[in-house]
């Protein structure tokens, strides 16, 4: 029987994940503590608390060097820590002064990168750290989704990409499973799925972006993932994994069973 083998949440939109042993899926289909913060451009066309497309902020898709960072977010203390190897770039509470210091640290880091979205883009500065640290609202999809892939699909994609040790972190999903055939999760579209005790009533294929081209260890764009998905697997769009919505929500743990309802 397919089982959950890993779980991840992403406290800061477009930054690196936190591996966890359990996630809480909220009614409607978002993961608690997931994408609750966003380093957004000054000229983003929406209010700070509103959803907008990823490219209006600093994210892995436009700043591959973010992959070198490690993020830790303490929900209770509302404290955000971001490190580069053994160097702490910022470790601040989410009050006004702390947000300002976190913005300064991330701005300096992003500007130090050869590939970054701030170079010669004065209208995008100063960055803003938006989000209340509690409400998950900055997913790729405005409706919010819990995302999933199988390790069998990662292995298959790795063969096509010529990387036998393809890191699943490239795909930035919440739930990782094993015990299915490669790409089987794409057959779940428009079906109901139960993961542990959580019923997902809406499943869609997940189209990928440039974030997948960044090596999770080095922060360098080293694999043409989008092109390979289309060409090697005859896809109309570069697709990997699924996004899912749940009306009731609930808790999912590593080791839980996965069942097609």
C-alpha atoms as a PDB file:
ATOM      1  CA  UNK A   1       0.000   0.000   0.000  1.00  0.00           C
ATOM      2  CA  UNK A   2       1.316   3.513  -0.791  1.00  0.00           C
ATOM      3  CA  UNK A   3       2.550   5.414   2.248  1.00  0.00           C
ATOM      4  CA  UNK A   4       3.672   8.896   3.166  1.00  0.00           C
ATOM      5  CA  UNK A   5       7.471   8.900   3.391  1.00  0.00           C
ATOM      6  CA  UNK A   6       8.206  12.612   3.919  1.00  0.00           C
ATOM      7  CA  UNK A   7       6.402  15.853   4.716  1.00  0.00           C
ATOM      8  CA  UNK A   8       7.492  19.442   4.160  1.00  0.00           C
ATOM      9  CA  UNK A   9       6.257  22.919   4.846  1.00  0.00           C
ATOM     10  CA  UNK A  10       7.604  26.163   3.400  1.00  0.00           C
ATOM     11  CA  UNK A  11       7.147  29.016   5.897  1.00  0.00           C
ATOM     12  CA  UNK A  12       8.501  31.645   3.460  1.00  0.00           C
ATOM     13  CA  UNK A  13       7.157  31.673  -0.080  1.00  0.00           C
ATOM     14  CA  UNK A  14       9.839  30.619  -2.556  1.00  0.00           C
ATOM     15  CA  UNK A  15      12.440  29.738   0.100  1.00  0.00           C
ATOM     16  CA  UNK A  16      13.688  26.357   1.316  1.00  0.00           C
ATOM     17  CA  UNK A  17      11.546  23.799   3.174  1.00  0.00           C
ATOM     18  CA  UNK A  18      11.331  22.572   6.738  1.00  0.00           C
ATOM     19  CA  UNK A  19      11.055  18.749   6.923  1.00  0.00           C
ATOM     20  CA  UNK A  20       8.370  17.796   9.465  1.00  0.00           C
ATOM     21  CA  UNK A  21       6.845  14.584  10.797  1.00  0.00           C
ATOM     22  CA  UNK A  22       3.255  15.794  10.551  1.00  0.00           C
ATOM     23  CA  UNK A  23       1.257  18.502   8.829  1.00  0.00           C
ATOM     24  CA  UNK A  24      -2.140  19.958   9.602  1.00  0.00           C
ATOM     25  CA  UNK A  25      -4.289  20.446   6.509  1.00  0.00           C
ATOM     26  CA  UNK A  26      -6.730  23.277   7.143  1.00  0.00           C
ATOM     27  CA  UNK A  27     -10.336  23.154   5.917  1.00  0.00           C
ATOM     28  CA  UNK A  28     -10.263  24.192   2.273  1.00  0.00           C
ATOM     29  CA  UNK A  29      -6.840  22.719   1.602  1.00  0.00           C
ATOM     30  CA  UNK A  30      -3.793  24.619   2.840  1.00  0.00           C
ATOM     31  CA  UNK A  31      -1.078  23.410   5.194  1.00  0.00           C
ATOM     32  CA  UNK A  32      -0.819  25.240   8.509  1.00  0.00           C
ATOM     33  CA  UNK A  33       2.428  27.218   8.667  1.00  0.00           C
ATOM     34  CA  UNK A  34       2.998  26.887   4.923  1.00  0.00           C
ATOM     35  CA  UNK A  35       3.772  30.004   2.840  1.00  0.00           C
ATOM     36  CA  UNK A  36       2.761  32.323   5.667  1.00  0.00           C
ATOM     37  CA  UNK A  37       5.430  34.906   4.758  1.00  0.00           C
ATOM     38  CA  UNK A  38       6.639  36.450   1.506  1.00  0.00           C
ATOM     39  CA  UNK A  39       9.529  38.780   0.676  1.00  0.00           C
ATOM     40  CA  UNK A  40       7.639  40.895  -1.828  1.00  0.00           C
ATOM     41  CA  UNK A  41       8.691  43.683  -4.187  1.00  0.00           C
ATOM     42  CA  UNK A  42       7.750  47.257  -3.330  1.00  0.00           C
ATOM     43  CA  UNK A  43       5.879  47.574  -6.637  1.00  0.00           C
ATOM     44  CA  UNK A  44       3.738  44.444  -6.226  1.00  0.00           C
ATOM     45  CA  UNK A  45       0.281  45.310  -7.610  1.00  0.00           C
ATOM     46  CA  UNK A  46      -1.774  44.140  -4.593  1.00  0.00           C
ATOM     47  CA  UNK A  47      -2.191  44.888  -0.896  1.00  0.00           C
ATOM     48  CA  UNK A  48       0.438  43.338   1.371  1.00  0.00           C
ATOM     49  CA  UNK A  49      -1.903  40.721   2.787  1.00  0.00           C
ATOM     50  CA  UNK A  50      -3.368  39.710  -0.564  1.00  0.00           C
ATOM     51  CA  UNK A  51      -2.290  36.850  -2.797  1.00  0.00           C
ATOM     52  CA  UNK A  52      -0.390  37.617  -5.977  1.00  0.00           C
ATOM     53  CA  UNK A  53       1.701  35.731  -8.504  1.00  0.00           C
ATOM     54  CA  UNK A  54       5.085  34.480  -7.336  1.00  0.00           C
ATOM     55  CA  UNK A  55       7.119  36.702  -9.646  1.00  0.00           C
ATOM     56  CA  UNK A  56       6.160  39.802  -7.647  1.00  0.00           C
ATOM     57  CA  UNK A  57       8.586  38.739  -4.928  1.00  0.00           C
ATOM     58  CA  UNK A  58      11.929  37.118  -4.253  1.00  0.00           C
ATOM     59  CA  UNK A  59      11.418  33.395  -4.880  1.00  0.00           C
ATOM     60  CA  UNK A  60      13.481  30.451  -6.051  1.00  0.00           C
ATOM     61  CA  UNK A  61      12.164  30.772  -9.602  1.00  0.00           C
ATOM     62  CA  UNK A  62      13.845  34.176 -10.054  1.00  0.00           C
ATOM     63  CA  UNK A  63      16.564  33.834  -7.388  1.00  0.00           C
ATOM     64  CA  UNK A  64      18.067  30.323  -7.547  1.00  0.00           C
ATOM     65  CA  UNK A  65      20.638  31.207  -4.891  1.00  0.00           C
ATOM     66  CA  UNK A  66      17.878  31.025  -2.281  1.00  0.00           C
ATOM     67  CA  UNK A  67      18.364  27.256  -2.405  1.00  0.00           C
ATOM     68  CA  UNK A  68      21.560  27.693  -0.368  1.00  0.00           C
ATOM     69  CA  UNK A  69      19.635  29.079   2.603  1.00  0.00           C
ATOM     70  CA  UNK A  70      18.055  27.210   5.499  1.00  0.00           C
ATOM     71  CA  UNK A  71      14.770  28.467   6.950  1.00  0.00           C
ATOM     72  CA  UNK A  72      13.444  27.799  10.452  1.00  0.00           C
ATOM     73  CA  UNK A  73      10.217  29.387  11.648  1.00  0.00           C
ATOM     74  CA  UNK A  74       8.967  29.212  15.232  1.00  0.00           C
ATOM     75  CA  UNK A  75       5.187  29.560  15.005  1.00  0.00           C
ATOM     76  CA  UNK A  76       4.679  30.141  18.717  1.00  0.00           C
ATOM     77  CA  UNK A  77       7.403  32.754  19.127  1.00  0.00           C
ATOM     78  CA  UNK A  78       6.741  34.211  15.660  1.00  0.00           C
ATOM     79  CA  UNK A  79      10.472  34.193  15.000  1.00  0.00           C
ATOM     80  CA  UNK A  80      12.071  33.717  11.597  1.00  0.00           C
ATOM     81  CA  UNK A  81      15.622  32.385  11.297  1.00  0.00           C
ATOM     82  CA  UNK A  82      17.415  32.173   7.948  1.00  0.00           C
ATOM     83  CA  UNK A  83      20.955  30.816   7.707  1.00  0.00           C
ATOM     84  CA  UNK A  84      23.633  30.300   5.077  1.00  0.00           C
ATOM     85  CA  UNK A  85      25.573  27.219   6.167  1.00  0.00           C
ATOM     86  CA  UNK A  86      26.789  28.179   9.662  1.00  0.00           C
ATOM     87  CA  UNK A  87      26.146  31.906   9.243  1.00  0.00           C
ATOM     88  CA  UNK A  88      22.872  33.312  10.572  1.00  0.00           C
ATOM     89  CA  UNK A  89      21.629  35.966   8.159  1.00  0.00           C
ATOM     90  CA  UNK A  90      18.608  36.912  10.233  1.00  0.00           C
ATOM     91  CA  UNK A  91      16.893  35.679  13.396  1.00  0.00           C
ATOM     92  CA  UNK A  92      14.069  38.048  14.204  1.00  0.00           C
ATOM     93  CA  UNK A  93      10.621  38.233  15.721  1.00  0.00           C
ATOM     94  CA  UNK A  94       7.918  39.408  13.347  1.00  0.00           C
ATOM     95  CA  UNK A  95       7.445  42.828  14.895  1.00  0.00           C
ATOM     96  CA  UNK A  96       8.025  45.952  12.839  1.00  0.00           C
ATOM     97  CA  UNK A  97      11.701  46.310  13.741  1.00  0.00           C
ATOM     98  CA  UNK A  98      12.385  42.606  13.262  1.00  0.00           C
ATOM     99  CA  UNK A  99      10.757  42.574   9.850  1.00  0.00           C
ATOM    100  CA  UNK A 100      12.855  45.557   8.820  1.00  0.00           C
ATOM    101  CA  UNK A 101      16.075  43.848   9.891  1.00  0.00           C
ATOM    102  CA  UNK A 102      15.068  40.617   8.128  1.00  0.00           C
ATOM    103  CA  UNK A 103      14.348  42.572   4.944  1.00  0.00           C
ATOM    104  CA  UNK A 104      17.737  44.274   5.131  1.00  0.00           C
ATOM    105  CA  UNK A 105      19.532  40.953   5.540  1.00  0.00           C
ATOM    106  CA  UNK A 106      17.717  39.236   2.676  1.00  0.00           C
ATOM    107  CA  UNK A 107      18.108  42.267   0.416  1.00  0.00           C
ATOM    108  CA  UNK A 108      21.863  42.233   0.989  1.00  0.00           C
ATOM    109  CA  UNK A 109      22.032  38.505   0.297  1.00  0.00           C
ATOM    110  CA  UNK A 110      19.961  38.684  -2.891  1.00  0.00           C
ATOM    111  CA  UNK A 111      21.971  41.620  -4.243  1.00  0.00           C
ATOM    112  CA  UNK A 112      25.176  39.629  -3.676  1.00  0.00           C
ATOM    113  CA  UNK A 113      24.028  36.964  -6.149  1.00  0.00           C
ATOM    114  CA  UNK A 114      24.943  37.041  -9.825  1.00  0.00           C
ATOM    115  CA  UNK A 115      21.386  36.101 -10.777  1.00  0.00           C
ATOM    116  CA  UNK A 116      18.862  38.173  -8.873  1.00  0.00           C
ATOM    117  CA  UNK A 117      15.654  40.101  -9.640  1.00  0.00           C
ATOM    118  CA  UNK A 118      16.704  43.344  -7.892  1.00  0.00           C
ATOM    119  CA  UNK A 119      19.637  44.346 -10.087  1.00  0.00           C
ATOM    120  CA  UNK A 120      18.774  47.610 -11.901  1.00  0.00           C
ATOM    121  CA  UNK A 121      15.174  47.318 -10.634  1.00  0.00           C
ATOM    122  CA  UNK A 122      14.893  50.232  -8.228  1.00  0.00           C
ATOM    123  CA  UNK A 123      11.077  50.134  -8.285  1.00  0.00           C
ATOM    124  CA  UNK A 124      11.231  46.756  -6.557  1.00  0.00           C
ATOM    125  CA  UNK A 125      13.031  48.181  -3.538  1.00  0.00           C
ATOM    126  CA  UNK A 126      12.668  48.249  -0.635  1.00  0.00           C
ATOM    127  CA  UNK A 127      11.484  44.684  -0.232  1.00  0.00           C
ATOM    128  CA  UNK A 128       8.572  44.033   2.136  1.00  0.00           C
ATOM    129  CA  UNK A 129       8.173  41.028   4.434  1.00  0.00           C
ATOM    130  CA  UNK A 130       4.427  40.458   4.183  1.00  0.00           C
ATOM    131  CA  UNK A 131       2.190  37.927   5.895  1.00  0.00           C
ATOM    132  CA  UNK A 132       1.004  37.559   9.466  1.00  0.00           C
ATOM    133  CA  UNK A 133       3.120  34.465  10.174  1.00  0.00           C
ATOM    134  CA  UNK A 134      -0.021  32.415  10.775  1.00  0.00           C
ATOM    135  CA  UNK A 135      -2.261  32.435   7.710  1.00  0.00           C
ATOM    136  CA  UNK A 136      -1.068  30.313   4.768  1.00  0.00           C
ATOM    137  CA  UNK A 137      -1.946  32.486   1.786  1.00  0.00           C
ATOM    138  CA  UNK A 138       1.037  32.670  -0.596  1.00  0.00           C
ATOM    139  CA  UNK A 139       0.794  29.341  -2.433  1.00  0.00           C
ATOM    140  CA  UNK A 140       1.302  29.326  -6.218  1.00  0.00           C
ATOM    141  CA  UNK A 141      -2.430  28.839  -6.692  1.00  0.00           C
ATOM    142  CA  UNK A 142      -4.757  31.492  -5.283  1.00  0.00           C
ATOM    143  CA  UNK A 143      -7.112  28.816  -3.957  1.00  0.00           C
ATOM    144  CA  UNK A 144      -4.232  27.146  -2.141  1.00  0.00           C
ATOM    145  CA  UNK A 145      -3.278  23.513  -2.577  1.00  0.00           C
ATOM    146  CA  UNK A 146      -1.575  20.684  -0.754  1.00  0.00           C
ATOM    147  CA  UNK A 147       0.978  19.240  -3.167  1.00  0.00           C
ATOM    148  CA  UNK A 148       2.227  15.666  -3.575  1.00  0.00           C
ATOM    149  CA  UNK A 149       4.597  13.516  -5.604  1.00  0.00           C
ATOM    150  CA  UNK A 150       5.940   9.976  -5.428  1.00  0.00           C
ATOM    151  CA  UNK A 151       9.564   8.959  -5.085  1.00  0.00           C
ATOM    152  CA  UNK A 152       9.013   6.596  -8.005  1.00  0.00           C
ATOM    153  CA  UNK A 153       8.244   9.603 -10.208  1.00  0.00           C
ATOM    154  CA  UNK A 154      11.377  11.358  -8.934  1.00  0.00           C
ATOM    155  CA  UNK A 155      13.451   8.318  -9.909  1.00  0.00           C
ATOM    156  CA  UNK A 156      11.877   8.204 -13.376  1.00  0.00           C
ATOM    157  CA  UNK A 157      12.491  11.910 -13.924  1.00  0.00           C
ATOM    158  CA  UNK A 158      16.057  11.419 -12.721  1.00  0.00           C
ATOM    159  CA  UNK A 159      16.689   8.828 -15.440  1.00  0.00           C
ATOM    160  CA  UNK A 160      15.423  11.223 -18.113  1.00  0.00           C
ATOM    161  CA  UNK A 161      17.524  14.065 -16.681  1.00  0.00           C
ATOM    162  CA  UNK A 162      20.651  11.942 -16.324  1.00  0.00           C
ATOM    163  CA  UNK A 163      20.739  12.389 -12.543  1.00  0.00           C
ATOM    164  CA  UNK A 164      20.426   9.096 -10.691  1.00  0.00           C
ATOM    165  CA  UNK A 165      20.283  10.955  -7.362  1.00  0.00           C
ATOM    166  CA  UNK A 166      17.741  13.603  -8.327  1.00  0.00           C
ATOM    167  CA  UNK A 167      16.800  15.520  -5.182  1.00  0.00           C
ATOM    168  CA  UNK A 168      13.052  15.613  -4.555  1.00  0.00           C
ATOM    169  CA  UNK A 169      13.472  19.054  -2.974  1.00  0.00           C
ATOM    170  CA  UNK A 170      13.496  20.477  -6.514  1.00  0.00           C
ATOM    171  CA  UNK A 171       9.762  19.918  -6.726  1.00  0.00           C
ATOM    172  CA  UNK A 172       8.846  21.710  -3.498  1.00  0.00           C
ATOM    173  CA  UNK A 173       5.873  19.588  -2.500  1.00  0.00           C
ATOM    174  CA  UNK A 174       4.220  19.101   0.886  1.00  0.00           C
ATOM    175  CA  UNK A 175       3.697  15.326   0.734  1.00  0.00           C
ATOM    176  CA  UNK A 176       6.034  12.646  -0.630  1.00  0.00           C
ATOM    177  CA  UNK A 177       4.853   9.059  -0.989  1.00  0.00           C
ATOM    178  CA  UNK A 178       6.195   5.746  -2.217  1.00  0.00           C
ATOM    179  CA  UNK A 179       4.682   2.390  -3.125  1.00  0.00           C
ATOM    180  CA  UNK A 180       3.137   3.366  -6.473  1.00  0.00           C
ATOM    181  CA  UNK A 181       4.210   3.109 -10.100  1.00  0.00           C
ATOM    182  CA  UNK A 182       6.114   6.088 -11.482  1.00  0.00           C
ATOM    183  CA  UNK A 183       3.751   8.897 -12.533  1.00  0.00           C
ATOM    184  CA  UNK A 184       0.745   7.071 -11.059  1.00  0.00           C
ATOM    185  CA  UNK A 185      -0.240  10.156  -9.043  1.00  0.00           C
ATOM    186  CA  UNK A 186      -1.081  11.960 -12.296  1.00  0.00           C
ATOM    187  CA  UNK A 187      -3.855   9.379 -12.832  1.00  0.00           C
ATOM    188  CA  UNK A 188      -5.546  10.690  -9.682  1.00  0.00           C
ATOM    189  CA  UNK A 189      -6.712  13.865 -11.433  1.00  0.00           C
ATOM    190  CA  UNK A 190     -10.473  14.330 -10.920  1.00  0.00           C
ATOM    191  CA  UNK A 191     -10.543  11.489  -8.374  1.00  0.00           C
ATOM    192  CA  UNK A 192     -10.822  11.483  -4.580  1.00  0.00           C
ATOM    193  CA  UNK A 193      -7.772  10.537  -2.514  1.00  0.00           C
ATOM    194  CA  UNK A 194      -7.418   9.807   1.210  1.00  0.00           C
ATOM    195  CA  UNK A 195      -4.043  10.451   2.826  1.00  0.00           C
ATOM    196  CA  UNK A 196      -4.159   9.208   6.402  1.00  0.00           C
ATOM    197  CA  UNK A 197      -7.519  10.528   7.604  1.00  0.00           C
ATOM    198  CA  UNK A 198      -7.638  13.499   5.239  1.00  0.00           C
ATOM    199  CA  UNK A 199      -9.996  13.290   2.280  1.00  0.00           C
ATOM    200  CA  UNK A 200      -8.976  15.242  -0.811  1.00  0.00           C
ATOM    201  CA  UNK A 201     -11.935  15.840  -3.105  1.00  0.00           C
ATOM    202  CA  UNK A 202     -10.164  17.796  -5.832  1.00  0.00           C
ATOM    203  CA  UNK A 203      -6.910  16.730  -7.509  1.00  0.00           C
ATOM    204  CA  UNK A 204      -5.181  18.542 -10.386  1.00  0.00           C
ATOM    205  CA  UNK A 205      -1.875  18.065 -12.181  1.00  0.00           C
ATOM    206  CA  UNK A 206       0.885  20.419 -11.034  1.00  0.00           C
ATOM    207  CA  UNK A 207       2.601  22.437 -13.768  1.00  0.00           C
ATOM    208  CA  UNK A 208       6.213  23.214 -12.937  1.00  0.00           C
ATOM    209  CA  UNK A 209       8.262  26.441 -13.118  1.00  0.00           C
ATOM    210  CA  UNK A 210      11.904  27.532 -13.213  1.00  0.00           C
ATOM    211  CA  UNK A 211      12.312  26.786  -9.510  1.00  0.00           C
ATOM    212  CA  UNK A 212      12.867  23.152 -10.501  1.00  0.00           C
ATOM    213  CA  UNK A 213      16.002  24.105 -12.470  1.00  0.00           C
ATOM    214  CA  UNK A 214      17.858  25.177  -9.310  1.00  0.00           C
ATOM    215  CA  UNK A 215      20.035  22.601  -7.608  1.00  0.00           C
ATOM    216  CA  UNK A 216      18.780  22.424  -3.985  1.00  0.00           C
ATOM    217  CA  UNK A 217      22.335  22.108  -2.674  1.00  0.00           C
ATOM    218  CA  UNK A 218      24.252  24.618  -4.798  1.00  0.00           C
ATOM    219  CA  UNK A 219      21.622  27.131  -5.893  1.00  0.00           C
ATOM    220  CA  UNK A 220      22.835  26.847  -9.497  1.00  0.00           C
ATOM    221  CA  UNK A 221      20.540  26.204 -12.447  1.00  0.00           C
ATOM    222  CA  UNK A 222      21.955  22.870 -13.585  1.00  0.00           C
ATOM    223  CA  UNK A 223      19.111  20.813 -15.093  1.00  0.00           C
ATOM    224  CA  UNK A 224      16.564  21.651 -17.780  1.00  0.00           C
ATOM    225  CA  UNK A 225      13.674  20.092 -15.875  1.00  0.00           C
ATOM    226  CA  UNK A 226      10.790  21.827 -17.645  1.00  0.00           C
ATOM    227  CA  UNK A 227      12.020  21.021 -21.138  1.00  0.00           C
ATOM    228  CA  UNK A 228      12.837  17.427 -20.194  1.00  0.00           C
ATOM    229  CA  UNK A 229       9.395  16.786 -18.706  1.00  0.00           C
ATOM    230  CA  UNK A 230       7.753  17.958 -21.926  1.00  0.00           C
ATOM    231  CA  UNK A 231      10.090  16.153 -24.317  1.00  0.00           C
ATOM    232  CA  UNK A 232      10.850  12.894 -22.494  1.00  0.00           C
ATOM    233  CA  UNK A 233       7.323  12.264 -21.228  1.00  0.00           C
ATOM    234  CA  UNK A 234       5.317  13.763 -24.119  1.00  0.00           C
ATOM    235  CA  UNK A 235       3.607  16.349 -21.917  1.00  0.00           C
ATOM    236  CA  UNK A 236       1.734  19.373 -23.202  1.00  0.00           C
ATOM    237  CA  UNK A 237       3.053  21.364 -20.228  1.00  0.00           C
ATOM    238  CA  UNK A 238       5.892  20.545 -17.820  1.00  0.00           C
ATOM    239  CA  UNK A 239       3.967  18.584 -15.211  1.00  0.00           C
ATOM    240  CA  UNK A 240       5.154  16.854 -12.055  1.00  0.00           C
ATOM    241  CA  UNK A 241       3.044  15.852  -9.057  1.00  0.00           C
ATOM    242  CA  UNK A 242      -0.442  16.981  -8.112  1.00  0.00           C
ATOM    243  CA  UNK A 243      -2.189  19.708  -6.158  1.00  0.00           C
ATOM    244  CA  UNK A 244      -5.087  18.727  -3.886  1.00  0.00           C
ATOM    245  CA  UNK A 245      -7.901  20.425  -1.980  1.00  0.00           C
ATOM    246  CA  UNK A 246      -9.743  19.126   1.081  1.00  0.00           C
ATOM    247  CA  UNK A 247     -13.019  20.472   2.429  1.00  0.00           C
ATOM    248  CA  UNK A 248     -12.563  19.201   5.988  1.00  0.00           C
ATOM    249  CA  UNK A 249      -8.790  18.990   6.379  1.00  0.00           C
ATOM    250  CA  UNK A 250      -7.061  17.107   9.188  1.00  0.00           C
ATOM    251  CA  UNK A 251      -3.651  15.799  10.237  1.00  0.00           C
ATOM    252  CA  UNK A 252      -1.257  13.794   8.056  1.00  0.00           C
ATOM    253  CA  UNK A 253       1.762  11.974   9.486  1.00  0.00           C
ATOM    254  CA  UNK A 254       4.787  10.267   7.999  1.00  0.00           C
ATOM    255  CA  UNK A 255       3.837   6.600   7.613  1.00  0.00           C
ATOM    256  CA  UNK A 256       0.161   7.251   6.848  1.00  0.00           C
ATOM    257  CA  UNK A 257      -1.506   5.181   4.136  1.00  0.00           C
ATOM    258  CA  UNK A 258      -2.620   6.636   0.810  1.00  0.00           C
ATOM    259  CA  UNK A 259      -5.867   5.304  -0.676  1.00  0.00           C
ATOM    260  CA  UNK A 260      -7.812   6.177  -3.800  1.00  0.00           C
ATOM    261  CA  UNK A 261     -11.405   6.649  -2.635  1.00  0.00           C
END
